[in-house]
């Protein structure tokens, strides 16, 4: 799990794994953009 400080909630985070979930405890809507780079 990667927790992101709400004061620094913009930027780039590297992630390696087989699943991704994005969640907030706030009730305000938010936007998530992501890209996937895969290799074999």
PDB file of N, CA and C in Angstrom:
ATOM      1  N   UNK A   1       0.839  -1.180   0.000  1.00  0.00           N
ATOM      2  CA  UNK A   1       0.000   0.000   0.000  1.00  0.00           C
ATOM      3  C   UNK A   1       0.879   1.236   0.000  1.00  0.00           C
ATOM      4  N   UNK A   2       0.431   2.223  -0.720  1.00  0.00           N
ATOM      5  CA  UNK A   2       1.103   3.514  -0.735  1.00  0.00           C
ATOM      6  C   UNK A   2       0.120   4.564  -0.262  1.00  0.00           C
ATOM      7  N   UNK A   3       0.448   5.232   0.819  1.00  0.00           N
ATOM      8  CA  UNK A   3      -0.398   6.304   1.330  1.00  0.00           C
ATOM      9  C   UNK A   3       0.195   7.630   0.903  1.00  0.00           C
ATOM     10  N   UNK A   4      -0.647   8.513   0.388  1.00  0.00           N
ATOM     11  CA  UNK A   4      -0.192   9.810  -0.113  1.00  0.00           C
ATOM     12  C   UNK A   4      -0.711  10.895   0.811  1.00  0.00           C
ATOM     13  N   UNK A   5       0.178  11.743   1.270  1.00  0.00           N
ATOM     14  CA  UNK A   5      -0.187  12.879   2.116  1.00  0.00           C
ATOM     15  C   UNK A   5      -1.106  13.805   1.334  1.00  0.00           C
ATOM     16  N   UNK A   6      -2.200  14.222   1.927  1.00  0.00           N
ATOM     17  CA  UNK A   6      -3.160  15.084   1.217  1.00  0.00           C
ATOM     18  C   UNK A   6      -2.569  16.438   0.848  1.00  0.00           C
ATOM     19  N   UNK A   7      -1.508  16.858   1.511  1.00  0.00           N
ATOM     20  CA  UNK A   7      -0.850  18.123   1.152  1.00  0.00           C
ATOM     21  C   UNK A   7       0.024  17.951  -0.090  1.00  0.00           C
ATOM     22  N   UNK A   8       0.363  16.727  -0.436  1.00  0.00           N
ATOM     23  CA  UNK A   8       1.202  16.445  -1.603  1.00  0.00           C
ATOM     24  C   UNK A   8       0.484  15.458  -2.509  1.00  0.00           C
ATOM     25  N   UNK A   9      -0.795  15.683  -2.729  1.00  0.00           N
ATOM     26  CA  UNK A   9      -1.621  14.705  -3.442  1.00  0.00           C
ATOM     27  C   UNK A   9      -1.558  14.849  -4.958  1.00  0.00           C
ATOM     28  N   UNK A  10      -0.507  15.432  -5.463  1.00  0.00           N
ATOM     29  CA  UNK A  10      -0.311  15.498  -6.907  1.00  0.00           C
ATOM     30  C   UNK A  10       1.123  15.120  -7.183  1.00  0.00           C
ATOM     31  N   UNK A  11       1.330  14.404  -8.254  1.00  0.00           N
ATOM     32  CA  UNK A  11       2.686  14.016  -8.588  1.00  0.00           C
ATOM     33  C   UNK A  11       2.721  12.658  -9.243  1.00  0.00           C
ATOM     34  N   UNK A  12       3.878  12.044  -9.195  1.00  0.00           N
ATOM     35  CA  UNK A  12       4.090  10.749  -9.831  1.00  0.00           C
ATOM     36  C   UNK A  12       4.543   9.752  -8.780  1.00  0.00           C
ATOM     37  N   UNK A  13       3.924   8.580  -8.800  1.00  0.00           N
ATOM     38  CA  UNK A  13       4.315   7.507  -7.905  1.00  0.00           C
ATOM     39  C   UNK A  13       4.563   6.264  -8.729  1.00  0.00           C
ATOM     40  N   UNK A  14       5.672   5.595  -8.497  1.00  0.00           N
ATOM     41  CA  UNK A  14       5.976   4.347  -9.190  1.00  0.00           C
ATOM     42  C   UNK A  14       5.343   3.204  -8.409  1.00  0.00           C
ATOM     43  N   UNK A  15       4.782   2.262  -9.142  1.00  0.00           N
ATOM     44  CA  UNK A  15       4.090   1.140  -8.527  1.00  0.00           C
ATOM     45  C   UNK A  15       4.370  -0.111  -9.329  1.00  0.00           C
ATOM     46  N   UNK A  16       4.674  -1.197  -8.673  1.00  0.00           N
ATOM     47  CA  UNK A  16       4.836  -2.485  -9.334  1.00  0.00           C
ATOM     48  C   UNK A  16       3.935  -3.486  -8.629  1.00  0.00           C
ATOM     49  N   UNK A  17       3.057  -4.120  -9.361  1.00  0.00           N
ATOM     50  CA  UNK A  17       2.153  -5.091  -8.769  1.00  0.00           C
ATOM     51  C   UNK A  17       1.132  -5.538  -9.781  1.00  0.00           C
ATOM     52  N   UNK A  18       0.120  -6.255  -9.311  1.00  0.00           N
ATOM     53  CA  UNK A  18      -0.885  -6.768 -10.231  1.00  0.00           C
ATOM     54  C   UNK A  18      -2.273  -6.198  -9.976  1.00  0.00           C
ATOM     55  N   UNK A  19      -2.389  -5.195  -9.114  1.00  0.00           N
ATOM     56  CA  UNK A  19      -3.686  -4.567  -8.859  1.00  0.00           C
ATOM     57  C   UNK A  19      -3.453  -3.137  -8.390  1.00  0.00           C
ATOM     58  N   UNK A  20      -4.424  -2.306  -8.656  1.00  0.00           N
ATOM     59  CA  UNK A  20      -4.357  -0.910  -8.236  1.00  0.00           C
ATOM     60  C   UNK A  20      -5.738  -0.474  -7.788  1.00  0.00           C
ATOM     61  N   UNK A  21      -5.830   0.106  -6.614  1.00  0.00           N
ATOM     62  CA  UNK A  21      -7.085   0.663  -6.110  1.00  0.00           C
ATOM     63  C   UNK A  21      -6.796   2.059  -5.583  1.00  0.00           C
ATOM     64  N   UNK A  22      -7.674   2.982  -5.855  1.00  0.00           N
ATOM     65  CA  UNK A  22      -7.518   4.360  -5.398  1.00  0.00           C
ATOM     66  C   UNK A  22      -8.728   4.688  -4.535  1.00  0.00           C
ATOM     67  N   UNK A  23      -8.470   5.213  -3.345  1.00  0.00           N
ATOM     68  CA  UNK A  23      -9.552   5.451  -2.397  1.00  0.00           C
ATOM     69  C   UNK A  23      -9.238   6.699  -1.583  1.00  0.00           C
ATOM     70  N   UNK A  24     -10.276   7.392  -1.141  1.00  0.00           N
ATOM     71  CA  UNK A  24     -10.122   8.539  -0.256  1.00  0.00           C
ATOM     72  C   UNK A  24     -11.158   8.442   0.860  1.00  0.00           C
ATOM     73  N   UNK A  25     -10.834   9.026   1.990  1.00  0.00           N
ATOM     74  CA  UNK A  25     -11.790   9.114   3.092  1.00  0.00           C
ATOM     75  C   UNK A  25     -12.613  10.398   2.999  1.00  0.00           C
ATOM     76  N   UNK A  26     -12.228  11.290   2.079  1.00  0.00           N
ATOM     77  CA  UNK A  26     -12.972  12.539   1.881  1.00  0.00           C
ATOM     78  C   UNK A  26     -14.235  12.276   1.073  1.00  0.00           C
ATOM     79  N   UNK A  27     -15.213  13.142   1.212  1.00  0.00           N
ATOM     80  CA  UNK A  27     -16.442  13.006   0.435  1.00  0.00           C
ATOM     81  C   UNK A  27     -16.387  13.796  -0.870  1.00  0.00           C
ATOM     82  N   UNK A  28     -15.338  14.584  -1.064  1.00  0.00           N
ATOM     83  CA  UNK A  28     -15.206  15.374  -2.285  1.00  0.00           C
ATOM     84  C   UNK A  28     -14.764  14.486  -3.450  1.00  0.00           C
ATOM     85  N   UNK A  29     -15.322  14.706  -4.637  1.00  0.00           N
ATOM     86  CA  UNK A  29     -14.886  13.931  -5.809  1.00  0.00           C
ATOM     87  C   UNK A  29     -13.421  14.230  -6.131  1.00  0.00           C
ATOM     88  N   UNK A  30     -12.752  13.270  -6.743  1.00  0.00           N
ATOM     89  CA  UNK A  30     -11.365  13.477  -7.148  1.00  0.00           C
ATOM     90  C   UNK A  30     -11.123  12.778  -8.479  1.00  0.00           C
ATOM     91  N   UNK A  31     -10.034  13.146  -9.122  1.00  0.00           N
ATOM     92  CA  UNK A  31      -9.692  12.602 -10.431  1.00  0.00           C
ATOM     93  C   UNK A  31      -8.364  11.848 -10.328  1.00  0.00           C
ATOM     94  N   UNK A  32      -8.300  10.716 -11.006  1.00  0.00           N
ATOM     95  CA  UNK A  32      -7.079   9.919 -11.049  1.00  0.00           C
ATOM     96  C   UNK A  32      -6.729   9.661 -12.498  1.00  0.00           C
ATOM     97  N   UNK A  33      -5.479   9.883 -12.840  1.00  0.00           N
ATOM     98  CA  UNK A  33      -4.955   9.541 -14.161  1.00  0.00           C
ATOM     99  C   UNK A  33      -3.833   8.534 -13.953  1.00  0.00           C
ATOM    100  N   UNK A  34      -3.770   7.547 -14.823  1.00  0.00           N
ATOM    101  CA  UNK A  34      -2.703   6.561 -14.692  1.00  0.00           C
ATOM    102  C   UNK A  34      -2.297   6.044 -16.061  1.00  0.00           C
ATOM    103  N   UNK A  35      -1.105   5.487 -16.121  1.00  0.00           N
ATOM    104  CA  UNK A  35      -0.649   4.842 -17.342  1.00  0.00           C
ATOM    105  C   UNK A  35      -0.019   3.511 -16.962  1.00  0.00           C
ATOM    106  N   UNK A  36       0.021   2.606 -17.913  1.00  0.00           N
ATOM    107  CA  UNK A  36       0.550   1.273 -17.682  1.00  0.00           C
ATOM    108  C   UNK A  36       1.682   1.009 -18.664  1.00  0.00           C
ATOM    109  N   UNK A  37       2.785   0.531 -18.149  1.00  0.00           N
ATOM    110  CA  UNK A  37       3.897   0.084 -18.980  1.00  0.00           C
ATOM    111  C   UNK A  37       4.129  -1.370 -18.606  1.00  0.00           C
ATOM    112  N   UNK A  38       4.021  -2.245 -19.591  1.00  0.00           N
ATOM    113  CA  UNK A  38       4.144  -3.677 -19.319  1.00  0.00           C
ATOM    114  C   UNK A  38       5.256  -4.283 -20.157  1.00  0.00           C
ATOM    115  N   UNK A  39       5.900  -5.250 -19.608  1.00  0.00           N
ATOM    116  CA  UNK A  39       6.934  -5.967 -20.321  1.00  0.00           C
ATOM    117  C   UNK A  39       6.801  -7.459 -20.046  1.00  0.00           C
ATOM    118  N   UNK A  40       7.492  -8.240 -20.839  1.00  0.00           N
ATOM    119  CA  UNK A  40       7.412  -9.679 -20.652  1.00  0.00           C
ATOM    120  C   UNK A  40       8.776 -10.268 -20.492  1.00  0.00           C
TER     121      UNK A  40
END
